[in-house]
Amino acid sequence: MIKRTLYFGNPAYLSLRNQQLVIKMPEVEKSTTVCEVIKTESVRTIPVEDIGVVVLDNKQITLTQGLMEALLANNTAVVSCDARSMPAGLLLPLSGNTIQQERFTDQINSSLPLRKQLWQQTIKAKIENQAAVLRKHTSAESKCMNVWASDVKSGDSDNLEGRAAAYYWKNLFIPYIDKFVRGREAAPPNNLLNYGYAILRALIARALVSSGLLPTLGIHHHNRYNAYCLADDIMEPYRPYVDELVLNIVKSGQDYEELTKDLKALLLSIPTIDVQISGKRSPLMIAASTTTASLAKCFGGEIRKIIYPEIE
């Protein structure tokens, strides 16, 4: 079942009652001019078991400890945003799988050759999906991307990921944006890409935890200050789905200079994007769990290939 993504951008009081998330608006609760009937009707409830991601984007949001406990028990990713409304923190459960210790051991003991092979598969899938986006939406030649994908070696020792990225970003937004440069602090629509990637990262981290894996211990990324190296690894082939969504926003003619609530609503649809994985259609959130489950099996020696989605 696809889980719901909840966004809170206004002051709110969030609590738990009968395994239901209870949403109350402080301005209504504290008002002396609003009758009790309206106060009662303004309260909303949502089953905790239906929630996959919660995004908190206001400094006047209060969560009870009971609610946080229930959300974590449900393996819900809780994302906290900063003053610029950009995702800045992620809360995940410490234990998300019944055989977590066994999965941790397999992951920690995985050999360097295996991790290099898994990275090779990851970059190959990423470049192929980037090529598919270019083929669908631009007039750029994608044959070179397919060649680079097929030439990726173990560990991507030739850095074909970087070569493909340079070509990809040079051509993705033509003719809508002149000389687009991809960078965290660069001009829009980088703001949309940053926000979308942050949501995607939370989804992948959530899926890794549910599969009993350590999101900190990557197969390629190994920054000592990064708590989500493995999430950053595994999200790579999923990034083109975010790119395609942002490209469609740019093509629609919407103003994307500022990250408005309407734009956030579009980007928060990322978990429900329809993707093709293992020959079947699936929401991206479900596909992420398929990918991380296959990764756990790779670490355990059951299979040799990660299952990634493919953009058609």
C-alpha atoms as a PDB file:
ATOM      1  CA  MET A   1       0.000   0.000   0.000  1.00  0.00           C
ATOM      2  CA  ILE A   2       1.267   3.448  -0.932  1.00  0.00           C
ATOM      3  CA  LYS A   3       1.838   5.583   2.153  1.00  0.00           C
ATOM      4  CA  ARG A   4       0.702   9.194   2.415  1.00  0.00           C
ATOM      5  CA  THR A   5       3.032  12.202   2.429  1.00  0.00           C
ATOM      6  CA  LEU A   6       1.851  14.948   4.789  1.00  0.00           C
ATOM      7  CA  TYR A   7       3.055  18.555   4.563  1.00  0.00           C
ATOM      8  CA  PHE A   8       2.537  21.056   7.384  1.00  0.00           C
ATOM      9  CA  GLY A   9       3.339  24.648   6.452  1.00  0.00           C
ATOM     10  CA  ASN A  10       1.191  26.443   9.031  1.00  0.00           C
ATOM     11  CA  PRO A  11       1.179  26.430  12.850  1.00  0.00           C
ATOM     12  CA  ALA A  12      -0.225  23.111  14.061  1.00  0.00           C
ATOM     13  CA  TYR A  13      -0.537  20.951  17.153  1.00  0.00           C
ATOM     14  CA  LEU A  14       0.041  17.294  16.265  1.00  0.00           C
ATOM     15  CA  SER A  15      -0.785  14.556  18.739  1.00  0.00           C
ATOM     16  CA  LEU A  16      -1.819  10.911  18.939  1.00  0.00           C
ATOM     17  CA  ARG A  17      -5.173   9.392  19.834  1.00  0.00           C
ATOM     18  CA  ASN A  18      -6.188   5.772  19.212  1.00  0.00           C
ATOM     19  CA  GLN A  19      -3.308   5.328  16.745  1.00  0.00           C
ATOM     20  CA  GLN A  20      -4.565   8.334  14.795  1.00  0.00           C
ATOM     21  CA  LEU A  21      -2.592  11.480  14.042  1.00  0.00           C
ATOM     22  CA  VAL A  22      -4.702  14.314  15.448  1.00  0.00           C
ATOM     23  CA  ILE A  23      -4.270  17.711  13.778  1.00  0.00           C
ATOM     24  CA  LYS A  24      -5.374  20.858  15.566  1.00  0.00           C
ATOM     25  CA  MET A  25      -4.903  24.482  14.474  1.00  0.00           C
ATOM     26  CA  PRO A  26      -3.661  26.709  17.373  1.00  0.00           C
ATOM     27  CA  GLU A  27      -5.390  29.827  16.062  1.00  0.00           C
ATOM     28  CA  VAL A  28      -8.724  27.991  16.155  1.00  0.00           C
ATOM     29  CA  GLU A  29      -8.088  26.285  19.494  1.00  0.00           C
ATOM     30  CA  LYS A  30      -7.107  29.536  21.248  1.00  0.00           C
ATOM     31  CA  SER A  31      -9.767  31.734  19.692  1.00  0.00           C
ATOM     32  CA  THR A  32     -12.417  33.097  22.060  1.00  0.00           C
ATOM     33  CA  THR A  33     -14.766  34.014  19.214  1.00  0.00           C
ATOM     34  CA  VAL A  34     -15.018  30.556  17.633  1.00  0.00           C
ATOM     35  CA  CYS A  35     -17.742  28.299  18.991  1.00  0.00           C
ATOM     36  CA  GLU A  36     -16.971  24.796  20.290  1.00  0.00           C
ATOM     37  CA  VAL A  37     -18.759  23.127  17.374  1.00  0.00           C
ATOM     38  CA  ILE A  38     -16.434  24.749  14.834  1.00  0.00           C
ATOM     39  CA  LYS A  39     -13.415  23.927  16.997  1.00  0.00           C
ATOM     40  CA  THR A  40     -14.441  20.285  17.058  1.00  0.00           C
ATOM     41  CA  GLU A  41     -15.091  20.180  13.312  1.00  0.00           C
ATOM     42  CA  SER A  42     -11.690  21.764  12.582  1.00  0.00           C
ATOM     43  CA  VAL A  43      -9.844  18.804  14.125  1.00  0.00           C
ATOM     44  CA  ARG A  44      -8.647  16.256  11.575  1.00  0.00           C
ATOM     45  CA  THR A  45      -7.434  12.696  12.124  1.00  0.00           C
ATOM     46  CA  ILE A  46      -5.333  10.396   9.924  1.00  0.00           C
ATOM     47  CA  PRO A  47      -4.390   6.764  10.684  1.00  0.00           C
ATOM     48  CA  VAL A  48      -0.687   6.599  11.539  1.00  0.00           C
ATOM     49  CA  GLU A  49      -0.353   3.352   9.574  1.00  0.00           C
ATOM     50  CA  ASP A  50      -1.234   5.253   6.377  1.00  0.00           C
ATOM     51  CA  ILE A  51       1.622   7.770   6.729  1.00  0.00           C
ATOM     52  CA  GLY A  52       4.996   7.359   5.040  1.00  0.00           C
ATOM     53  CA  VAL A  53       6.520  10.846   5.170  1.00  0.00           C
ATOM     54  CA  VAL A  54       5.774  13.916   7.305  1.00  0.00           C
ATOM     55  CA  VAL A  55       7.250  17.288   6.289  1.00  0.00           C
ATOM     56  CA  LEU A  56       7.368  19.984   8.989  1.00  0.00           C
ATOM     57  CA  ASP A  57       7.797  23.475   7.527  1.00  0.00           C
ATOM     58  CA  ASN A  58       6.815  25.947  10.238  1.00  0.00           C
ATOM     59  CA  LYS A  59       8.484  27.018  13.479  1.00  0.00           C
ATOM     60  CA  GLN A  60       5.157  26.866  15.344  1.00  0.00           C
ATOM     61  CA  ILE A  61       4.479  23.148  14.967  1.00  0.00           C
ATOM     62  CA  THR A  62       4.260  21.030  18.124  1.00  0.00           C
ATOM     63  CA  LEU A  63       4.537  17.214  18.143  1.00  0.00           C
ATOM     64  CA  THR A  64       3.839  15.087  21.195  1.00  0.00           C
ATOM     65  CA  GLN A  65       6.265  12.371  22.236  1.00  0.00           C
ATOM     66  CA  GLY A  66       3.486   9.810  21.853  1.00  0.00           C
ATOM     67  CA  LEU A  67       3.009  10.780  18.227  1.00  0.00           C
ATOM     68  CA  MET A  68       6.742  10.641  17.458  1.00  0.00           C
ATOM     69  CA  GLU A  69       6.900   7.173  19.017  1.00  0.00           C
ATOM     70  CA  ALA A  70       3.993   5.987  16.870  1.00  0.00           C
ATOM     71  CA  LEU A  71       5.439   7.494  13.684  1.00  0.00           C
ATOM     72  CA  LEU A  72       8.805   5.838  14.267  1.00  0.00           C
ATOM     73  CA  ALA A  73       7.151   2.506  15.049  1.00  0.00           C
ATOM     74  CA  ASN A  74       5.412   2.849  11.677  1.00  0.00           C
ATOM     75  CA  ASN A  75       8.770   3.562   9.958  1.00  0.00           C
ATOM     76  CA  THR A  76       7.613   7.052   8.995  1.00  0.00           C
ATOM     77  CA  ALA A  77      10.265   9.518   7.809  1.00  0.00           C
ATOM     78  CA  VAL A  78       9.845  12.860   9.599  1.00  0.00           C
ATOM     79  CA  VAL A  79      11.483  15.721   7.662  1.00  0.00           C
ATOM     80  CA  SER A  80      12.162  19.065   9.366  1.00  0.00           C
ATOM     81  CA  CYS A  81      12.693  22.182   7.215  1.00  0.00           C
ATOM     82  CA  ASP A  82      14.859  25.237   7.918  1.00  0.00           C
ATOM     83  CA  ALA A  83      14.028  28.950   7.694  1.00  0.00           C
ATOM     84  CA  ARG A  84      14.301  28.789   3.902  1.00  0.00           C
ATOM     85  CA  SER A  85      11.739  25.943   3.817  1.00  0.00           C
ATOM     86  CA  MET A  86      14.427  23.520   2.658  1.00  0.00           C
ATOM     87  CA  PRO A  87      14.583  20.046   4.284  1.00  0.00           C
ATOM     88  CA  ALA A  88      17.285  20.214   6.966  1.00  0.00           C
ATOM     89  CA  GLY A  89      16.777  17.191   9.213  1.00  0.00           C
ATOM     90  CA  LEU A  90      15.456  13.632   9.063  1.00  0.00           C
ATOM     91  CA  LEU A  91      14.089  11.465  11.864  1.00  0.00           C
ATOM     92  CA  LEU A  92      14.083   7.683  11.305  1.00  0.00           C
ATOM     93  CA  PRO A  93      13.628   4.651  13.600  1.00  0.00           C
ATOM     94  CA  LEU A  94      16.701   2.954  15.052  1.00  0.00           C
ATOM     95  CA  SER A  95      15.212  -0.459  14.370  1.00  0.00           C
ATOM     96  CA  GLY A  96      13.239  -1.056  11.190  1.00  0.00           C
ATOM     97  CA  ASN A  97      13.653  -4.770  10.503  1.00  0.00           C
ATOM     98  CA  THR A  98      13.282  -7.988  12.520  1.00  0.00           C
ATOM     99  CA  ILE A  99      16.680  -9.342  11.408  1.00  0.00           C
ATOM    100  CA  GLN A 100      18.489  -6.024  11.554  1.00  0.00           C
ATOM    101  CA  GLN A 101      21.618  -7.349  13.313  1.00  0.00           C
ATOM    102  CA  GLU A 102      22.098  -9.964  10.601  1.00  0.00           C
ATOM    103  CA  ARG A 103      21.618  -7.355   7.868  1.00  0.00           C
ATOM    104  CA  PHE A 104      24.054  -4.972   9.583  1.00  0.00           C
ATOM    105  CA  THR A 105      26.665  -7.738   9.780  1.00  0.00           C
ATOM    106  CA  ASP A 106      26.277  -8.606   6.093  1.00  0.00           C
ATOM    107  CA  GLN A 107      26.553  -4.952   5.121  1.00  0.00           C
ATOM    108  CA  ILE A 108      29.596  -4.245   7.288  1.00  0.00           C
ATOM    109  CA  ASN A 109      31.391  -7.418   6.130  1.00  0.00           C
ATOM    110  CA  SER A 110      30.680  -6.851   2.434  1.00  0.00           C
ATOM    111  CA  SER A 111      33.832  -7.045   0.320  1.00  0.00           C
ATOM    112  CA  LEU A 112      35.328  -4.127  -1.592  1.00  0.00           C
ATOM    113  CA  PRO A 113      34.917  -5.927  -4.962  1.00  0.00           C
ATOM    114  CA  LEU A 114      31.203  -6.420  -4.227  1.00  0.00           C
ATOM    115  CA  ARG A 115      30.708  -2.772  -3.311  1.00  0.00           C
ATOM    116  CA  LYS A 116      32.517  -1.690  -6.485  1.00  0.00           C
ATOM    117  CA  GLN A 117      30.281  -3.964  -8.562  1.00  0.00           C
ATOM    118  CA  LEU A 118      27.185  -2.556  -6.864  1.00  0.00           C
ATOM    119  CA  TRP A 119      28.389   0.979  -7.587  1.00  0.00           C
ATOM    120  CA  GLN A 120      28.981   0.004 -11.215  1.00  0.00           C
ATOM    121  CA  GLN A 121      25.371  -1.214 -11.460  1.00  0.00           C
ATOM    122  CA  THR A 122      24.124   1.943  -9.759  1.00  0.00           C
ATOM    123  CA  ILE A 123      25.916   4.347 -12.099  1.00  0.00           C
ATOM    124  CA  LYS A 124      24.940   2.313 -15.164  1.00  0.00           C
ATOM    125  CA  ALA A 125      21.271   2.539 -14.122  1.00  0.00           C
ATOM    126  CA  LYS A 126      21.597   6.271 -13.408  1.00  0.00           C
ATOM    127  CA  ILE A 127      23.123   7.105 -16.797  1.00  0.00           C
ATOM    128  CA  GLU A 128      20.546   4.968 -18.611  1.00  0.00           C
ATOM    129  CA  ASN A 129      17.723   6.825 -16.863  1.00  0.00           C
ATOM    130  CA  GLN A 130      19.342  10.179 -17.627  1.00  0.00           C
ATOM    131  CA  ALA A 131      19.593   9.148 -21.277  1.00  0.00           C
ATOM    132  CA  ALA A 132      15.907   8.204 -21.282  1.00  0.00           C
ATOM    133  CA  VAL A 133      14.939  11.640 -19.933  1.00  0.00           C
ATOM    134  CA  LEU A 134      16.983  13.381 -22.644  1.00  0.00           C
ATOM    135  CA  ARG A 135      15.459  11.130 -25.293  1.00  0.00           C
ATOM    136  CA  LYS A 136      11.898  11.860 -24.123  1.00  0.00           C
ATOM    137  CA  HIS A 137      12.132  15.595 -23.606  1.00  0.00           C
ATOM    138  CA  THR A 138      14.971  17.039 -25.691  1.00  0.00           C
ATOM    139  CA  SER A 139      16.493  16.837 -29.144  1.00  0.00           C
ATOM    140  CA  ALA A 140      19.922  16.072 -27.669  1.00  0.00           C
ATOM    141  CA  GLU A 141      21.706  12.975 -28.923  1.00  0.00           C
ATOM    142  CA  SER A 142      21.470  10.256 -26.265  1.00  0.00           C
ATOM    143  CA  LYS A 143      23.581   7.577 -27.975  1.00  0.00           C
ATOM    144  CA  CYS A 144      26.733   8.783 -26.238  1.00  0.00           C
ATOM    145  CA  MET A 145      24.960   8.399 -22.877  1.00  0.00           C
ATOM    146  CA  ASN A 146      24.073   4.799 -23.716  1.00  0.00           C
ATOM    147  CA  VAL A 147      27.685   4.126 -24.704  1.00  0.00           C
ATOM    148  CA  TRP A 148      28.949   5.572 -21.432  1.00  0.00           C
ATOM    149  CA  ALA A 149      26.430   3.475 -19.504  1.00  0.00           C
ATOM    150  CA  SER A 150      27.614   0.285 -21.171  1.00  0.00           C
ATOM    151  CA  ASP A 151      31.260   1.219 -20.574  1.00  0.00           C
ATOM    152  CA  VAL A 152      30.995   1.782 -16.803  1.00  0.00           C
ATOM    153  CA  LYS A 153      33.630  -0.345 -15.077  1.00  0.00           C
ATOM    154  CA  SER A 154      33.722  -1.748 -11.571  1.00  0.00           C
ATOM    155  CA  GLY A 155      33.714   1.184  -9.133  1.00  0.00           C
ATOM    156  CA  ASP A 156      33.279   3.557 -12.119  1.00  0.00           C
ATOM    157  CA  SER A 157      37.048   3.943 -12.211  1.00  0.00           C
ATOM    158  CA  ASP A 158      36.836   6.129 -15.347  1.00  0.00           C
ATOM    159  CA  ASN A 159      34.309   8.497 -13.711  1.00  0.00           C
ATOM    160  CA  LEU A 160      31.813   8.113 -16.536  1.00  0.00           C
ATOM    161  CA  GLU A 161      29.183   9.370 -14.081  1.00  0.00           C
ATOM    162  CA  GLY A 162      30.847  12.785 -14.179  1.00  0.00           C
ATOM    163  CA  ARG A 163      31.191  12.786 -17.968  1.00  0.00           C
ATOM    164  CA  ALA A 164      27.549  11.831 -18.419  1.00  0.00           C
ATOM    165  CA  ALA A 165      26.424  14.435 -15.861  1.00  0.00           C
ATOM    166  CA  ALA A 166      28.239  17.244 -17.694  1.00  0.00           C
ATOM    167  CA  TYR A 167      26.520  16.333 -20.973  1.00  0.00           C
ATOM    168  CA  TYR A 168      23.163  15.748 -19.299  1.00  0.00           C
ATOM    169  CA  TRP A 169      22.950  19.083 -17.488  1.00  0.00           C
ATOM    170  CA  LYS A 170      24.208  20.950 -20.534  1.00  0.00           C
ATOM    171  CA  ASN A 171      21.261  19.678 -22.573  1.00  0.00           C
ATOM    172  CA  LEU A 172      18.409  18.987 -20.149  1.00  0.00           C
ATOM    173  CA  PHE A 173      16.793  22.428 -19.966  1.00  0.00           C
ATOM    174  CA  ILE A 174      17.422  23.548 -23.551  1.00  0.00           C
ATOM    175  CA  PRO A 175      15.647  25.623 -24.947  1.00  0.00           C
ATOM    176  CA  TYR A 176      13.901  26.783 -21.766  1.00  0.00           C
ATOM    177  CA  ILE A 177      16.963  27.975 -19.836  1.00  0.00           C
ATOM    178  CA  ASP A 178      20.107  29.456 -21.346  1.00  0.00           C
ATOM    179  CA  LYS A 179      23.354  27.879 -20.069  1.00  0.00           C
ATOM    180  CA  PHE A 180      21.906  26.090 -17.051  1.00  0.00           C
ATOM    181  CA  VAL A 181      24.440  25.241 -14.327  1.00  0.00           C
ATOM    182  CA  ARG A 182      23.692  22.551 -11.769  1.00  0.00           C
ATOM    183  CA  GLY A 183      24.722  23.566  -8.266  1.00  0.00           C
ATOM    184  CA  ARG A 184      23.241  23.573  -4.778  1.00  0.00           C
ATOM    185  CA  GLU A 185      23.492  27.364  -4.515  1.00  0.00           C
ATOM    186  CA  ALA A 186      23.074  28.100  -8.225  1.00  0.00           C
ATOM    187  CA  ALA A 187      20.142  29.865  -9.875  1.00  0.00           C
ATOM    188  CA  PRO A 188      16.627  28.370 -10.138  1.00  0.00           C
ATOM    189  CA  PRO A 189      15.377  25.780 -10.926  1.00  0.00           C
ATOM    190  CA  ASN A 190      18.176  24.429  -8.707  1.00  0.00           C
ATOM    191  CA  ASN A 191      15.930  25.321  -5.770  1.00  0.00           C
ATOM    192  CA  LEU A 192      13.330  22.855  -7.077  1.00  0.00           C
ATOM    193  CA  LEU A 193      15.949  20.181  -7.702  1.00  0.00           C
ATOM    194  CA  ASN A 194      17.401  20.603  -4.193  1.00  0.00           C
ATOM    195  CA  TYR A 195      13.978  20.273  -2.588  1.00  0.00           C
ATOM    196  CA  GLY A 196      13.047  17.274  -4.715  1.00  0.00           C
ATOM    197  CA  TYR A 197      16.319  15.488  -4.007  1.00  0.00           C
ATOM    198  CA  ALA A 198      15.869  16.075  -0.264  1.00  0.00           C
ATOM    199  CA  ILE A 199      12.434  14.414  -0.375  1.00  0.00           C
ATOM    200  CA  LEU A 200      13.865  11.569  -2.470  1.00  0.00           C
ATOM    201  CA  ARG A 201      16.734  11.119  -0.011  1.00  0.00           C
ATOM    202  CA  ALA A 202      14.263  10.783   2.866  1.00  0.00           C
ATOM    203  CA  LEU A 203      12.298   8.149   0.927  1.00  0.00           C
ATOM    204  CA  ILE A 204      15.419   6.102   0.173  1.00  0.00           C
ATOM    205  CA  ALA A 205      16.693   6.384   3.772  1.00  0.00           C
ATOM    206  CA  ARG A 206      13.289   5.211   5.020  1.00  0.00           C
ATOM    207  CA  ALA A 207      13.388   2.230   2.639  1.00  0.00           C
ATOM    208  CA  LEU A 208      16.942   1.317   3.721  1.00  0.00           C
ATOM    209  CA  VAL A 209      15.941   1.277   7.381  1.00  0.00           C
ATOM    210  CA  SER A 210      12.881  -0.856   6.619  1.00  0.00           C
ATOM    211  CA  SER A 211      15.193  -3.319   4.865  1.00  0.00           C
ATOM    212  CA  GLY A 212      17.412  -3.527   7.958  1.00  0.00           C
ATOM    213  CA  LEU A 213      20.358  -1.615   6.474  1.00  0.00           C
ATOM    214  CA  LEU A 214      22.551   1.163   7.849  1.00  0.00           C
ATOM    215  CA  PRO A 215      21.912   4.304   5.764  1.00  0.00           C
ATOM    216  CA  THR A 216      25.247   5.727   7.001  1.00  0.00           C
ATOM    217  CA  LEU A 217      27.539   3.030   5.577  1.00  0.00           C
ATOM    218  CA  GLY A 218      27.739   3.622   1.819  1.00  0.00           C
ATOM    219  CA  ILE A 219      28.980   1.501  -1.051  1.00  0.00           C
ATOM    220  CA  HIS A 220      30.709   4.532  -2.602  1.00  0.00           C
ATOM    221  CA  HIS A 221      30.013   7.753  -0.693  1.00  0.00           C
ATOM    222  CA  HIS A 222      32.070   7.866   2.498  1.00  0.00           C
ATOM    223  CA  ASN A 223      32.065  11.450   3.793  1.00  0.00           C
ATOM    224  CA  ARG A 224      32.787  11.263   7.525  1.00  0.00           C
ATOM    225  CA  TYR A 225      30.215  14.000   8.182  1.00  0.00           C
ATOM    226  CA  ASN A 226      27.426  12.393   6.136  1.00  0.00           C
ATOM    227  CA  ALA A 227      24.955  10.236   8.073  1.00  0.00           C
ATOM    228  CA  TYR A 228      23.209   9.050   4.898  1.00  0.00           C
ATOM    229  CA  CYS A 229      25.994   7.892   2.582  1.00  0.00           C
ATOM    230  CA  LEU A 230      24.153   4.734   1.504  1.00  0.00           C
ATOM    231  CA  ALA A 231      20.980   6.722   0.830  1.00  0.00           C
ATOM    232  CA  ASP A 232      23.020   9.081  -1.362  1.00  0.00           C
ATOM    233  CA  ASP A 233      24.380   6.045  -3.234  1.00  0.00           C
ATOM    234  CA  ILE A 234      21.087   4.289  -3.841  1.00  0.00           C
ATOM    235  CA  MET A 235      19.111   7.400  -4.790  1.00  0.00           C
ATOM    236  CA  GLU A 236      21.337   8.064  -7.831  1.00  0.00           C
ATOM    237  CA  PRO A 237      19.245   6.137 -10.420  1.00  0.00           C
ATOM    238  CA  TYR A 238      16.109   7.741  -8.956  1.00  0.00           C
ATOM    239  CA  ARG A 239      17.338  11.322  -9.423  1.00  0.00           C
ATOM    240  CA  PRO A 240      16.229  11.496 -13.099  1.00  0.00           C
ATOM    241  CA  TYR A 241      12.606  11.091 -11.940  1.00  0.00           C
ATOM    242  CA  VAL A 242      12.994  14.301  -9.941  1.00  0.00           C
ATOM    243  CA  ASP A 243      14.760  15.945 -12.883  1.00  0.00           C
ATOM    244  CA  GLU A 244      11.879  15.018 -15.183  1.00  0.00           C
ATOM    245  CA  LEU A 245       9.324  16.425 -12.751  1.00  0.00           C
ATOM    246  CA  VAL A 246      11.243  19.710 -12.457  1.00  0.00           C
ATOM    247  CA  LEU A 247      11.665  19.863 -16.243  1.00  0.00           C
ATOM    248  CA  ASN A 248       7.898  19.533 -16.678  1.00  0.00           C
ATOM    249  CA  ILE A 249       7.388  22.397 -14.217  1.00  0.00           C
ATOM    250  CA  VAL A 250       9.803  24.566 -16.224  1.00  0.00           C
ATOM    251  CA  LYS A 251       8.110  23.608 -19.500  1.00  0.00           C
ATOM    252  CA  SER A 252       4.677  24.501 -18.082  1.00  0.00           C
ATOM    253  CA  GLY A 253       5.691  28.155 -17.809  1.00  0.00           C
ATOM    254  CA  GLN A 254       5.173  28.398 -14.039  1.00  0.00           C
ATOM    255  CA  ASP A 255       7.231  30.927 -12.100  1.00  0.00           C
ATOM    256  CA  TYR A 256       9.849  28.877 -10.257  1.00  0.00           C
ATOM    257  CA  GLU A 257      12.050  31.657  -8.901  1.00  0.00           C
ATOM    258  CA  GLU A 258      10.542  31.136  -5.451  1.00  0.00           C
ATOM    259  CA  LEU A 259       9.682  27.776  -3.914  1.00  0.00           C
ATOM    260  CA  THR A 260       5.963  28.393  -3.367  1.00  0.00           C
ATOM    261  CA  LYS A 261       3.497  26.090  -1.643  1.00  0.00           C
ATOM    262  CA  ASP A 262       2.057  25.104  -5.026  1.00  0.00           C
ATOM    263  CA  LEU A 263       5.506  24.059  -6.239  1.00  0.00           C
ATOM    264  CA  LYS A 264       6.167  22.177  -3.005  1.00  0.00           C
ATOM    265  CA  ALA A 265       2.887  20.336  -3.496  1.00  0.00           C
ATOM    266  CA  LEU A 266       4.072  19.202  -6.930  1.00  0.00           C
ATOM    267  CA  LEU A 267       7.447  18.083  -5.562  1.00  0.00           C
ATOM    268  CA  LEU A 268       5.793  16.258  -2.663  1.00  0.00           C
ATOM    269  CA  SER A 269       4.136  14.029  -5.257  1.00  0.00           C
ATOM    270  CA  ILE A 270       7.514  12.330  -5.783  1.00  0.00           C
ATOM    271  CA  PRO A 271       6.576   9.276  -3.638  1.00  0.00           C
ATOM    272  CA  THR A 272       3.622   8.566  -5.936  1.00  0.00           C
ATOM    273  CA  ILE A 273       5.435   8.934  -9.272  1.00  0.00           C
ATOM    274  CA  ASP A 274       4.643   5.889 -11.391  1.00  0.00           C
ATOM    275  CA  VAL A 275       7.836   3.972 -12.238  1.00  0.00           C
ATOM    276  CA  GLN A 276       8.709   0.767 -14.082  1.00  0.00           C
ATOM    277  CA  ILE A 277      10.613  -1.775 -11.993  1.00  0.00           C
ATOM    278  CA  SER A 278      11.037  -5.528 -12.524  1.00  0.00           C
ATOM    279  CA  GLY A 279       8.637  -5.331 -15.465  1.00  0.00           C
ATOM    280  CA  LYS A 280       5.822  -3.859 -13.356  1.00  0.00           C
ATOM    281  CA  ARG A 281       4.381  -0.417 -12.690  1.00  0.00           C
ATOM    282  CA  SER A 282       4.795   0.792  -9.137  1.00  0.00           C
ATOM    283  CA  PRO A 283       4.735   4.046  -7.106  1.00  0.00           C
ATOM    284  CA  LEU A 284       8.267   5.303  -6.494  1.00  0.00           C
ATOM    285  CA  MET A 285       7.954   4.794  -2.731  1.00  0.00           C
ATOM    286  CA  ILE A 286       7.188   1.095  -3.230  1.00  0.00           C
ATOM    287  CA  ALA A 287       9.939   0.780  -5.851  1.00  0.00           C
ATOM    288  CA  ALA A 288      12.446   2.194  -3.358  1.00  0.00           C
ATOM    289  CA  SER A 289      11.640  -0.658  -0.968  1.00  0.00           C
ATOM    290  CA  THR A 290      12.109  -3.160  -3.794  1.00  0.00           C
ATOM    291  CA  THR A 291      15.531  -1.665  -4.504  1.00  0.00           C
ATOM    292  CA  THR A 292      16.707  -1.686  -0.887  1.00  0.00           C
ATOM    293  CA  ALA A 293      15.397  -5.216  -0.314  1.00  0.00           C
ATOM    294  CA  SER A 294      17.431  -6.385  -3.306  1.00  0.00           C
ATOM    295  CA  LEU A 295      20.489  -4.564  -1.937  1.00  0.00           C
ATOM    296  CA  ALA A 296      20.134  -6.408   1.366  1.00  0.00           C
ATOM    297  CA  LYS A 297      20.070  -9.686  -0.567  1.00  0.00           C
ATOM    298  CA  CYS A 298      23.225  -8.629  -2.430  1.00  0.00           C
ATOM    299  CA  PHE A 299      25.003  -8.021   0.863  1.00  0.00           C
ATOM    300  CA  GLY A 300      23.749 -11.413   2.087  1.00  0.00           C
ATOM    301  CA  GLY A 301      25.070 -13.220  -0.993  1.00  0.00           C
ATOM    302  CA  GLU A 302      21.622 -14.299  -2.209  1.00  0.00           C
ATOM    303  CA  ILE A 303      21.731 -12.326  -5.477  1.00  0.00           C
ATOM    304  CA  ARG A 304      24.342 -10.287  -7.369  1.00  0.00           C
ATOM    305  CA  LYS A 305      22.318  -7.430  -8.844  1.00  0.00           C
ATOM    306  CA  ILE A 306      20.410  -4.489  -7.357  1.00  0.00           C
ATOM    307  CA  ILE A 307      16.920  -3.974  -8.762  1.00  0.00           C
ATOM    308  CA  TYR A 308      16.512  -0.398 -10.016  1.00  0.00           C
ATOM    309  CA  PRO A 309      13.619   1.269 -11.888  1.00  0.00           C
ATOM    310  CA  GLU A 310      13.927   2.031 -15.575  1.00  0.00           C
ATOM    311  CA  ILE A 311      12.633   5.155 -17.322  1.00  0.00           C
ATOM    312  CA  GLU A 312      11.015   4.119 -20.580  1.00  0.00           C
END
